Amino acid sequence: MINWCAQNTLNVFLYNRRIGNGLSATTDQAIASGRPLSVSTNPTFRHIHTYIKPYPYLSLKGSIETTAPLVRKIQEDWGPRNFVLQFEAVLKENNVKVRA
């Protein structure tokens, strides 16, 4: 899936789901590909909305032109190093001792 997404000019996810408060994991493969991304206003993509304006507020052409650096920022923010740092912070906040 990541290889397929990497071949696309733009990976577009226009969900119109009205039930549930989940997050879309399908977009993770698109983000991993590093290619420009567009998502709808659906709350399923709320974790992406903080980085990328949803369609139609950002056009598909605008997404092609501007979102590659934003996708790289998502990759950095959600990468293994930041995950470990955030996880350790949660453990520390909850007084959980971690063996070195």
C-alpha atoms as a PDB file:
ATOM      1  CA  MET A   1       0.000   0.000   0.000  1.00  0.00           C
ATOM      2  CA  ILE A   2       2.828   2.404   0.844  1.00  0.00           C
ATOM      3  CA  ASN A   3       4.538   1.695  -2.489  1.00  0.00           C
ATOM      4  CA  TRP A   4       1.281   2.292  -4.349  1.00  0.00           C
ATOM      5  CA  CYS A   5       0.663   5.568  -2.473  1.00  0.00           C
ATOM      6  CA  ALA A   6       4.247   6.644  -3.276  1.00  0.00           C
ATOM      7  CA  GLN A   7       3.439   6.464  -7.003  1.00  0.00           C
ATOM      8  CA  ASN A   8       0.525   8.905  -6.762  1.00  0.00           C
ATOM      9  CA  THR A   9       0.655  12.633  -7.429  1.00  0.00           C
ATOM     10  CA  LEU A  10      -1.872  13.091  -4.624  1.00  0.00           C
ATOM     11  CA  ASN A  11      -3.438  10.677  -2.154  1.00  0.00           C
ATOM     12  CA  VAL A  12      -7.034  11.743  -1.511  1.00  0.00           C
ATOM     13  CA  PHE A  13      -9.369  10.541   1.245  1.00  0.00           C
ATOM     14  CA  LEU A  14     -12.887  11.963   1.031  1.00  0.00           C
ATOM     15  CA  TYR A  15     -14.796  10.044   3.686  1.00  0.00           C
ATOM     16  CA  ASN A  16     -18.387  10.945   4.408  1.00  0.00           C
ATOM     17  CA  ARG A  17     -18.809   8.699   7.451  1.00  0.00           C
ATOM     18  CA  ARG A  18     -21.273   9.974  10.040  1.00  0.00           C
ATOM     19  CA  ILE A  19     -21.047   7.219  12.657  1.00  0.00           C
ATOM     20  CA  GLY A  20     -18.348   6.833  15.293  1.00  0.00           C
ATOM     21  CA  ASN A  21     -15.398   8.845  16.493  1.00  0.00           C
ATOM     22  CA  GLY A  22     -12.575   6.681  15.189  1.00  0.00           C
ATOM     23  CA  LEU A  23      -9.468   7.730  13.323  1.00  0.00           C
ATOM     24  CA  SER A  24      -8.576   6.632   9.847  1.00  0.00           C
ATOM     25  CA  ALA A  25      -5.529   4.378   9.823  1.00  0.00           C
ATOM     26  CA  THR A  26      -5.558   4.113   6.032  1.00  0.00           C
ATOM     27  CA  THR A  27      -4.031   7.563   5.835  1.00  0.00           C
ATOM     28  CA  ASP A  28      -0.996   6.275   7.764  1.00  0.00           C
ATOM     29  CA  GLN A  29       0.214   4.433   4.659  1.00  0.00           C
ATOM     30  CA  ALA A  30      -0.280   7.567   2.561  1.00  0.00           C
ATOM     31  CA  ILE A  31       1.674   9.608   5.106  1.00  0.00           C
ATOM     32  CA  ALA A  32       4.431   6.976   5.166  1.00  0.00           C
ATOM     33  CA  SER A  33       4.716   7.319   1.387  1.00  0.00           C
ATOM     34  CA  GLY A  34       5.673  10.985   1.734  1.00  0.00           C
ATOM     35  CA  ARG A  35       3.434  12.095  -1.138  1.00  0.00           C
ATOM     36  CA  PRO A  36       1.028  15.062  -1.038  1.00  0.00           C
ATOM     37  CA  LEU A  37      -2.209  14.398   0.810  1.00  0.00           C
ATOM     38  CA  SER A  38      -5.793  15.647   0.833  1.00  0.00           C
ATOM     39  CA  VAL A  39      -8.539  14.679   3.274  1.00  0.00           C
ATOM     40  CA  SER A  40     -12.156  15.735   3.725  1.00  0.00           C
ATOM     41  CA  THR A  41     -13.585  17.655   6.663  1.00  0.00           C
ATOM     42  CA  ASN A  42     -14.780  14.403   8.257  1.00  0.00           C
ATOM     43  CA  PRO A  43     -13.772  14.118  11.956  1.00  0.00           C
ATOM     44  CA  THR A  44     -12.139  10.787  11.093  1.00  0.00           C
ATOM     45  CA  PHE A  45      -9.221  12.922   9.896  1.00  0.00           C
ATOM     46  CA  ARG A  46      -9.042  15.301  12.861  1.00  0.00           C
ATOM     47  CA  HIS A  47      -5.480  14.165  13.604  1.00  0.00           C
ATOM     48  CA  ILE A  48      -4.483  15.357  10.116  1.00  0.00           C
ATOM     49  CA  HIS A  49      -6.529  18.582  10.162  1.00  0.00           C
ATOM     50  CA  THR A  50      -4.037  20.083  12.616  1.00  0.00           C
ATOM     51  CA  TYR A  51      -1.431  19.870   9.840  1.00  0.00           C
ATOM     52  CA  ILE A  52      -3.358  20.094   6.563  1.00  0.00           C
ATOM     53  CA  LYS A  53      -6.492  22.085   5.752  1.00  0.00           C
ATOM     54  CA  PRO A  54      -9.211  19.722   4.538  1.00  0.00           C
ATOM     55  CA  TYR A  55     -10.836  19.736   1.118  1.00  0.00           C
ATOM     56  CA  PRO A  56     -12.610  21.927  -0.014  1.00  0.00           C
ATOM     57  CA  TYR A  57     -10.796  24.588   2.072  1.00  0.00           C
ATOM     58  CA  LEU A  58      -7.589  23.517   0.364  1.00  0.00           C
ATOM     59  CA  SER A  59      -8.151  22.544  -3.260  1.00  0.00           C
ATOM     60  CA  LEU A  60      -6.745  19.355  -4.749  1.00  0.00           C
ATOM     61  CA  LYS A  61      -4.324  21.450  -6.822  1.00  0.00           C
ATOM     62  CA  GLY A  62      -3.350  23.370  -3.691  1.00  0.00           C
ATOM     63  CA  SER A  63      -2.809  20.079  -1.885  1.00  0.00           C
ATOM     64  CA  ILE A  64      -0.464  18.889  -4.626  1.00  0.00           C
ATOM     65  CA  GLU A  65       1.467  22.151  -4.453  1.00  0.00           C
ATOM     66  CA  THR A  66       1.732  22.601  -0.679  1.00  0.00           C
ATOM     67  CA  THR A  67       1.275  19.452   1.389  1.00  0.00           C
ATOM     68  CA  ALA A  68       4.488  17.476   0.782  1.00  0.00           C
ATOM     69  CA  PRO A  69       6.382  19.463   3.459  1.00  0.00           C
ATOM     70  CA  LEU A  70       3.406  19.105   5.801  1.00  0.00           C
ATOM     71  CA  VAL A  71       3.414  15.336   5.286  1.00  0.00           C
ATOM     72  CA  ARG A  72       7.135  15.329   6.167  1.00  0.00           C
ATOM     73  CA  LYS A  73       6.289  17.251   9.362  1.00  0.00           C
ATOM     74  CA  ILE A  74       3.677  14.617  10.245  1.00  0.00           C
ATOM     75  CA  GLN A  75       6.260  11.879   9.617  1.00  0.00           C
ATOM     76  CA  GLU A  76       8.677  13.645  11.956  1.00  0.00           C
ATOM     77  CA  ASP A  77       6.113  14.365  14.670  1.00  0.00           C
ATOM     78  CA  TRP A  78       4.698  10.842  14.589  1.00  0.00           C
ATOM     79  CA  GLY A  79       8.045   9.075  14.095  1.00  0.00           C
ATOM     80  CA  PRO A  80       9.635   6.548  16.456  1.00  0.00           C
ATOM     81  CA  ARG A  81      11.842   9.037  18.315  1.00  0.00           C
ATOM     82  CA  ASN A  82       8.974  11.368  19.193  1.00  0.00           C
ATOM     83  CA  PHE A  83       6.768   8.398  20.081  1.00  0.00           C
ATOM     84  CA  VAL A  84       9.344   7.200  22.609  1.00  0.00           C
ATOM     85  CA  LEU A  85       9.736  10.695  24.090  1.00  0.00           C
ATOM     86  CA  GLN A  86       5.975  11.149  24.452  1.00  0.00           C
ATOM     87  CA  PHE A  87       5.496   7.646  25.840  1.00  0.00           C
ATOM     88  CA  GLU A  88       8.225   8.192  28.434  1.00  0.00           C
ATOM     89  CA  ALA A  89       6.618  11.520  29.403  1.00  0.00           C
ATOM     90  CA  VAL A  90       3.274   9.782  29.988  1.00  0.00           C
ATOM     91  CA  LEU A  91       4.971   7.133  32.115  1.00  0.00           C
ATOM     92  CA  LYS A  92       6.759   9.800  34.134  1.00  0.00           C
ATOM     93  CA  GLU A  93       3.524  11.775  34.649  1.00  0.00           C
ATOM     94  CA  ASN A  94       1.946   8.602  36.027  1.00  0.00           C
ATOM     95  CA  ASN A  95       4.916   7.778  38.260  1.00  0.00           C
ATOM     96  CA  VAL A  96       5.757   4.608  36.340  1.00  0.00           C
ATOM     97  CA  LYS A  97       9.393   3.621  36.715  1.00  0.00           C
ATOM     98  CA  VAL A  98      11.158   2.497  33.556  1.00  0.00           C
ATOM     99  CA  ARG A  99      14.132   0.154  33.647  1.00  0.00           C
ATOM    100  CA  ALA A 100      17.107   1.382  31.653  1.00  0.00           C
END
